[in-house]
Amino acid sequence: MDRKIEELLLVLETNNSTMDSPLVDAEGYPLNTIDVYAVRHARHDLICLRNDRDELTKKIVVEMEQDSKDNEKPAVSEEKPVHRTSNEPFVRIKSVAELSPADIGGFRQGDLIIQYGTLHHGNYVDMKQLAEITQQSENKIIRVTVIRDNRPVRLELCPKKWSGAGLLGCNIVPMTGANV
């Protein structure tokens, strides 16, 4: 686009003309020292290209602003510090979808969750609690601690809508005899 603008400006320069210089003499006849047809078309095309470039620039600015908003770190959910009494897991990650919020947050298949926000083995009753915390924390960070390779690992998970199902993109199962 810029190259085309430069070419059109060269047409004007070659004809000793500008965007505002007259194309007719004092009596209203076309100047015989310039190619009036070429200058008029160059002016028209320049105006169109400059308008197109301005519109494109505006769109780029809007997209860049949107990208910077999308890349801002989400707010941490307002959870009080949790003092769990053990590192005993209460749920397990059965599978993690690629590029899901769970994958981005660092979840791995086989991770054993010992803390999910305010939830831990001591206050865990059922999977509904996990679902409630997840839904209440959409677009907010949940602090999660998992056991991986026999060591606790702290993760930050941000549940959000993504191209797959749910807000996490992983399958979490309760710790029962069959799922351990």
Protein backbone atom coordinates (compact mmCIF):
# COMPACT_ATOMS: atom_id res chain seq x y z
CA MET A 1 0.00 0.00 0.00
CA ASP A 2 2.77 2.43 0.93
CA ARG A 3 4.69 1.51 -2.22
CA LYS A 4 1.63 2.31 -4.34
CA ILE A 5 1.26 5.65 -2.55
CA GLU A 6 4.90 6.45 -3.33
CA GLU A 7 4.33 5.56 -7.01
CA LEU A 8 1.32 7.87 -7.17
CA LEU A 9 3.24 10.69 -5.51
CA LEU A 10 5.93 10.20 -8.15
CA VAL A 11 3.27 10.67 -10.87
CA LEU A 12 2.37 14.01 -9.28
CA GLU A 13 6.01 15.01 -8.92
CA THR A 14 6.79 14.07 -12.53
CA ASN A 15 3.99 16.39 -13.64
CA ASN A 16 5.14 19.21 -11.33
CA SER A 17 1.87 18.88 -9.49
CA THR A 18 0.65 18.39 -5.93
CA MET A 19 -2.66 17.35 -4.42
CA ASP A 20 -3.76 21.00 -4.46
CA SER A 21 -2.08 22.56 -7.50
CA PRO A 22 -4.39 23.76 -10.29
CA LEU A 23 -4.93 21.63 -13.39
CA VAL A 24 -6.28 24.49 -15.51
CA ASP A 25 -4.94 27.89 -16.50
CA ALA A 26 -6.47 31.27 -15.65
CA GLU A 27 -8.93 30.94 -18.53
CA GLY A 28 -10.10 27.47 -17.42
CA TYR A 29 -8.28 25.42 -20.05
CA PRO A 30 -6.32 22.31 -19.05
CA LEU A 31 -2.63 22.97 -18.58
CA ASN A 32 -0.65 21.58 -21.48
CA THR A 33 2.48 21.08 -19.35
CA ILE A 34 0.97 18.22 -17.33
CA ASP A 35 -0.87 15.00 -18.00
CA VAL A 36 -4.18 16.08 -16.46
CA TYR A 37 -5.71 12.62 -16.79
CA ALA A 38 -2.80 10.93 -14.97
CA VAL A 39 -2.72 13.61 -12.24
CA ARG A 40 -6.47 13.40 -11.59
CA HIS A 41 -6.37 9.61 -11.33
CA ALA A 42 -3.25 9.72 -9.14
CA ARG A 43 -4.97 12.19 -6.80
CA HIS A 44 -8.09 10.04 -6.63
CA ASP A 45 -6.13 6.85 -5.98
CA LEU A 46 -4.00 8.62 -3.36
CA ILE A 47 -7.07 9.77 -1.47
CA CYS A 48 -8.55 6.25 -1.57
CA LEU A 49 -5.30 4.58 -0.48
CA ARG A 50 -4.74 7.05 2.35
CA ASN A 51 -8.29 6.46 3.59
CA ASP A 52 -7.77 2.70 3.36
CA ARG A 53 -4.50 2.97 5.27
CA ASP A 54 -6.17 5.06 7.98
CA GLU A 55 -8.95 2.49 8.36
CA LEU A 56 -6.44 -0.34 8.48
CA THR A 57 -4.38 1.50 11.09
CA LYS A 58 -7.49 1.99 13.24
CA LYS A 59 -8.32 -1.72 13.00
CA ILE A 60 -4.76 -2.66 13.95
CA VAL A 61 -4.88 -0.37 16.98
CA VAL A 62 -8.19 -1.88 18.11
CA GLU A 63 -6.83 -5.43 17.68
CA MET A 64 -3.65 -4.58 19.57
CA GLU A 65 -5.65 -3.07 22.42
CA GLN A 66 -7.86 -6.17 22.51
CA ASP A 67 -4.82 -8.45 22.51
CA SER A 68 -3.25 -6.55 25.37
CA LYS A 69 -6.51 -6.85 27.35
CA ASP A 70 -6.65 -10.58 26.59
CA ASN A 71 -3.08 -11.04 27.77
CA GLU A 72 -3.58 -9.24 31.07
CA LYS A 73 -3.18 -11.55 34.01
CA PRO A 74 -6.59 -12.49 35.40
CA ALA A 75 -7.51 -11.47 38.90
CA VAL A 76 -6.83 -13.90 41.69
CA SER A 77 -10.05 -15.19 43.21
CA GLU A 78 -10.70 -13.71 46.61
CA GLU A 79 -9.95 -16.75 48.69
CA LYS A 80 -8.73 -16.72 52.24
CA PRO A 81 -5.50 -18.53 53.06
CA VAL A 82 -6.08 -22.23 53.57
CA HIS A 83 -4.31 -24.21 56.24
CA ARG A 84 -4.66 -27.80 55.23
CA THR A 85 -3.69 -30.35 57.80
CA SER A 86 -2.34 -32.97 55.40
CA ASN A 87 -1.06 -33.55 51.91
CA GLU A 88 -3.63 -36.24 51.31
CA PRO A 89 -5.18 -36.02 47.83
CA PHE A 90 -8.95 -35.98 47.39
CA VAL A 91 -9.25 -35.93 43.57
CA ARG A 92 -7.10 -37.01 40.64
CA ILE A 93 -6.58 -35.60 37.14
CA LYS A 94 -7.64 -38.38 34.78
CA SER A 95 -6.96 -36.50 31.53
CA VAL A 96 -6.06 -33.01 30.28
CA ALA A 97 -7.04 -31.59 26.88
CA GLU A 98 -4.25 -29.93 24.94
CA LEU A 99 -4.29 -26.10 25.03
CA SER A 100 -7.11 -26.09 27.58
CA PRO A 101 -7.06 -23.81 30.65
CA ALA A 102 -5.99 -26.86 32.69
CA ASP A 103 -3.12 -27.56 30.29
CA ILE A 104 -2.04 -23.92 30.31
CA GLY A 105 -2.30 -23.89 34.12
CA GLY A 106 0.10 -26.82 34.34
CA PHE A 107 -2.20 -29.76 35.08
CA ARG A 108 -0.86 -33.15 34.01
CA GLN A 109 -2.59 -36.49 33.73
CA GLY A 110 -2.15 -38.36 37.00
CA ASP A 111 -1.71 -35.27 39.19
CA LEU A 112 -3.22 -35.76 42.63
CA ILE A 113 -4.94 -32.62 43.91
CA ILE A 114 -4.38 -31.86 47.59
CA GLN A 115 -5.74 -28.31 47.46
CA TYR A 116 -8.10 -26.61 45.02
CA GLY A 117 -8.71 -23.03 46.08
CA THR A 118 -10.13 -23.35 49.60
CA LEU A 119 -10.95 -27.02 49.15
CA HIS A 120 -8.72 -29.74 50.64
CA HIS A 121 -9.05 -33.30 51.96
CA GLY A 122 -10.26 -32.06 55.35
CA ASN A 123 -13.30 -30.18 53.98
CA TYR A 124 -13.97 -32.05 50.73
CA VAL A 125 -17.38 -33.74 50.54
CA ASP A 126 -18.14 -34.25 46.84
CA MET A 127 -17.36 -33.14 43.29
CA LYS A 128 -20.09 -30.47 43.42
CA GLN A 129 -17.80 -28.36 45.60
CA LEU A 130 -15.09 -28.49 42.95
CA ALA A 131 -17.60 -27.47 40.27
CA GLU A 132 -18.88 -24.56 42.39
CA ILE A 133 -15.39 -23.20 43.03
CA THR A 134 -14.59 -23.51 39.32
CA GLN A 135 -17.75 -21.69 38.23
CA GLN A 136 -17.35 -18.95 40.84
CA SER A 137 -13.75 -18.43 39.73
CA GLU A 138 -14.34 -18.07 35.99
CA ASN A 139 -11.62 -15.76 34.60
CA LYS A 140 -9.96 -15.63 38.03
CA ILE A 141 -6.94 -17.50 39.24
CA ILE A 142 -7.42 -20.49 41.54
CA ARG A 143 -4.40 -21.64 43.49
CA VAL A 144 -4.05 -25.39 43.24
CA THR A 145 -1.54 -27.74 44.84
CA VAL A 146 -0.97 -31.16 43.35
CA ILE A 147 1.23 -34.10 44.17
CA ARG A 148 3.41 -34.93 41.18
CA ASP A 149 6.29 -37.38 41.38
CA ASN A 150 5.71 -37.63 45.16
CA ARG A 151 6.28 -33.88 45.60
CA PRO A 152 3.82 -31.00 46.08
CA VAL A 153 3.62 -28.62 43.10
CA ARG A 154 1.79 -25.28 43.27
CA LEU A 155 -0.14 -24.24 40.19
CA GLU A 156 -2.34 -21.33 39.17
CA LEU A 157 -5.42 -22.26 37.19
CA CYS A 158 -7.69 -19.78 35.41
CA PRO A 159 -11.02 -21.40 34.50
CA LYS A 160 -12.45 -19.81 31.37
CA LYS A 161 -14.41 -20.51 28.23
CA TRP A 162 -12.24 -22.03 25.54
CA SER A 163 -12.76 -23.95 22.31
CA GLY A 164 -13.50 -27.20 24.17
CA ALA A 165 -16.09 -28.26 26.72
CA GLY A 166 -16.28 -26.82 30.22
CA LEU A 167 -14.14 -24.18 31.86
CA LEU A 168 -11.10 -26.36 32.58
CA GLY A 169 -10.60 -28.89 29.81
CA CYS A 170 -9.70 -31.78 32.06
CA ASN A 171 -11.34 -34.79 33.63
CA ILE A 172 -11.14 -34.82 37.43
CA VAL A 173 -12.22 -37.90 39.35
CA PRO A 174 -12.63 -38.44 43.09
CA MET A 175 -10.07 -40.54 44.93
CA THR A 176 -11.71 -43.90 45.43
CA GLY A 177 -10.26 -47.37 45.54
CA ALA A 178 -10.68 -47.78 41.77
CA ASN A 179 -9.30 -44.32 40.90
CA VAL A 180 -6.21 -44.22 43.08
